[in-house]
Amino acid sequence: MVDFVLYCKSYRRDLLRVKRLLESLRKHNIESIPFYISTPQVDRDALFSLLGENQGYQWVADEAIVQANPRAPKDIQKTKSGGIAQQVIKSEFWRLGLASNYLCIDSDSIFIRDFGNIDFLASDGLPYTVLHQNKELFQMATNRGHLRVERELRKEAETVKALFGRVGPNYYCAPAPFIWSAKVWESLDQQYLQPQEMTLWDLITPEHPETLIYGEALLKYQAIPVRMIEPLFRIYHYDWHYYLSRRLGETQEKLKQNFMGVIYQSAWESELDYGVPSKPLLSRILKRSKRFFRLLQSYL
């Protein structure tokens, strides 16, 4: 077991995005931190065909991660929605025993500057945790009249916080990528899930996302020191967020000062959907027109 690895849970449709992520890693992963990619077994050949077999990464089957939990029903991932299954599999990666800590990266991420272990681990080898109150996003959304953004995220945080009986400020571990410790996930399993004869397949739901569960488990059980840092990547949560940031002069080059990467929402980049036929020209023109008008609105 090593101290730290990088991990991306993906699937067939996102393979072109994973290829772009891998290219950015080859450029910026200056300490050659091991990189793991998991997909369903059925997607392995497509991954190898596009990226080369274990070229700059090591592949793991999603099924192996699911089976690493002896209390998880066989093939339970097939009974869950893709979004929920993805959250649980990412959270259970620690069970493979490959690393004490890992950076959980989404397929639609890219690194924009060099990085090393020092960006994720303190001098004693224990990880930092992305943990903050989301005030920047909330204020920006309020300024633009998107009041539902803060209302829904606060409700979500309050719901998960109540599971652990905590009172006080809401904290968020998002956006991705997430620095996760096996000790924190293990403490959740031993002190919360097992006594209630549950697994993460029972706990994680649309109302109880894995990011908030991890943060609350860390605060509740203190399996590692709480060392808070701001988000590692710039993510544009909504199209208006992206266009407003561009209007204010934000560029990828400027982002390097405070962020090591950027996440571009996969819903905005349908041309990177692997194995999915391109949409008709008229549909693409209409989509671009809608984006253009949203850009104009951001200037008003």
Foldseek 3Di string as FASTA:
>chain_A
DAAEAEEEEDEQQLLLLLQQQLVLCVVAAVVLGAYEYEYAPVCVVVNCVVNNAQDSYDYDYLQVLQVLDVLRPHPVLVVDDPVLSSQQSLLSPCSVVPHQKYWYAYSQKHFDHHDYCVVFADPVSHGAAAKDQCVVVCVVCVVVVNNVVVVVVVQLQVVLLVLLPDDDGGMWRDDDGTIGGPQLSVQCCVPPAVVVVHDSSVVDDPSHGPRSNSVSSCVRVVSDPHHHDHDQEAEQPDLLSVLLCVVVPDDSVVCVVRHRMYGDDVVVCSVSGRPDDDDDPVVVVVVVVVSVVSSVVSVD
